[in-house]
């Protein structure tokens, strides 16, 4: 009995210490078009794991759709910093986001 309670508690704690949980929640919010909640979830994932480059990239896309372009650029730069040693352009979603942000910059 004590062991099963401990296992349940340990599972509960690990869910709240695992950055994949809020990251996946962010993805669900993003797909639903709730970009503000997606940003909030990605913030949590990044808070839990500051080197989570995929969370920065996904949050950059959410910022883009919220027309928060400066913050999107910041997250693209952070993604590039975290993925140093590899071409940022080769990562899925990065090239497309940079192209979209450049289009918006030219329109201003």
Protein backbone atom coordinates (compact mmCIF):
# COMPACT_ATOMS: atom_id res chain seq x y z
CA UNK A 1 0.00 0.00 0.00
CA UNK A 2 2.73 2.46 0.98
CA UNK A 3 4.72 1.57 -2.13
CA UNK A 4 1.75 2.17 -4.44
CA UNK A 5 1.04 5.56 -2.82
CA UNK A 6 4.72 6.44 -3.24
CA UNK A 7 4.63 5.41 -6.93
CA UNK A 8 1.55 7.52 -7.57
CA UNK A 9 3.15 10.48 -5.79
CA UNK A 10 6.43 10.04 -7.70
CA UNK A 11 4.54 9.92 -11.02
CA UNK A 12 2.56 13.02 -10.06
CA UNK A 13 5.74 14.93 -9.17
CA UNK A 14 7.58 13.84 -12.31
CA UNK A 15 4.75 15.10 -14.51
CA UNK A 16 5.17 18.55 -13.06
CA UNK A 17 8.94 18.45 -13.45
CA UNK A 18 8.87 17.21 -17.02
CA UNK A 19 9.02 20.08 -19.54
CA UNK A 20 7.44 17.82 -22.18
CA UNK A 21 4.09 18.10 -20.38
CA UNK A 22 3.64 21.88 -20.80
CA UNK A 23 5.32 21.65 -24.22
CA UNK A 24 2.64 19.20 -25.39
CA UNK A 25 -0.06 21.36 -23.83
CA UNK A 26 1.34 24.30 -25.76
CA UNK A 27 1.07 22.29 -28.95
CA UNK A 28 -2.57 21.52 -28.26
CA UNK A 29 -3.34 25.18 -27.58
CA UNK A 30 -1.43 26.17 -30.70
CA UNK A 31 -3.38 23.74 -32.89
CA UNK A 32 -6.61 25.11 -31.43
CA UNK A 33 -5.54 28.65 -32.34
CA UNK A 34 -5.22 29.75 -28.71
CA UNK A 35 -1.80 31.33 -29.11
CA UNK A 36 -1.85 33.21 -25.79
CA UNK A 37 -2.30 29.96 -23.88
CA UNK A 38 0.31 28.31 -26.09
CA UNK A 39 2.81 31.03 -25.12
CA UNK A 40 1.97 30.49 -21.45
CA UNK A 41 2.53 26.72 -21.76
CA UNK A 42 5.80 27.17 -23.67
CA UNK A 43 6.91 29.65 -21.00
CA UNK A 44 6.41 26.92 -18.41
CA UNK A 45 8.38 24.40 -20.47
CA UNK A 46 11.24 26.89 -20.88
CA UNK A 47 11.15 27.74 -17.18
CA UNK A 48 11.53 24.04 -16.41
CA UNK A 49 14.23 23.48 -19.05
CA UNK A 50 15.93 26.73 -20.17
CA UNK A 51 17.79 24.97 -23.01
CA UNK A 52 14.61 23.54 -24.59
CA UNK A 53 15.19 24.91 -28.10
CA UNK A 54 12.02 23.39 -29.56
CA UNK A 55 9.95 25.27 -26.97
CA UNK A 56 11.60 28.55 -28.00
CA UNK A 57 10.84 27.83 -31.65
CA UNK A 58 7.22 26.91 -31.00
CA UNK A 59 6.79 29.98 -28.81
CA UNK A 60 8.28 32.08 -31.63
CA UNK A 61 5.56 30.79 -33.96
CA UNK A 62 2.88 31.60 -31.37
CA UNK A 63 4.30 35.12 -31.01
CA UNK A 64 4.24 35.44 -34.79
CA UNK A 65 0.53 34.64 -34.95
CA UNK A 66 -0.08 37.11 -32.13
CA UNK A 67 1.74 39.79 -34.19
CA UNK A 68 4.40 40.04 -31.49
CA UNK A 69 7.19 40.03 -34.04
CA UNK A 70 10.01 41.37 -31.87
CA UNK A 71 9.46 38.58 -29.37
CA UNK A 72 9.30 36.06 -32.21
CA UNK A 73 12.68 37.27 -33.48
CA UNK A 74 14.13 37.00 -29.95
CA UNK A 75 13.03 33.38 -29.73
CA UNK A 76 14.42 32.60 -33.19
CA UNK A 77 17.77 34.01 -32.05
CA UNK A 78 17.60 31.99 -28.82
CA UNK A 79 16.81 28.85 -30.83
CA UNK A 80 19.87 29.54 -33.00
CA UNK A 81 22.06 30.04 -29.93
CA UNK A 82 20.89 26.79 -28.37
CA UNK A 83 21.38 24.89 -31.61
CA UNK A 84 24.83 26.28 -32.34
CA UNK A 85 27.05 24.02 -34.35
CA UNK A 86 24.27 23.20 -36.78
CA UNK A 87 22.66 25.31 -39.44
CA UNK A 88 19.57 26.92 -37.96
CA UNK A 89 18.06 26.99 -41.44
CA UNK A 90 18.10 23.19 -41.56
CA UNK A 91 15.71 22.77 -38.65
CA UNK A 92 12.03 22.23 -39.48
CA UNK A 93 9.97 25.35 -39.10
CA UNK A 94 12.88 27.75 -38.66
CA UNK A 95 13.41 28.69 -42.30
CA UNK A 96 9.68 29.20 -42.80
CA UNK A 97 9.38 31.39 -39.72
CA UNK A 98 12.37 33.52 -40.71
CA UNK A 99 10.85 33.99 -44.17
CA UNK A 100 7.52 35.02 -42.67
CA UNK A 101 9.15 37.42 -40.22
CA UNK A 102 11.20 38.96 -43.05
CA UNK A 103 8.01 39.50 -45.08
CA UNK A 104 6.40 41.30 -42.17
CA UNK A 105 9.53 43.40 -41.66
CA UNK A 106 9.48 44.48 -45.33
CA UNK A 107 5.78 45.40 -45.12
CA UNK A 108 6.39 47.87 -42.28
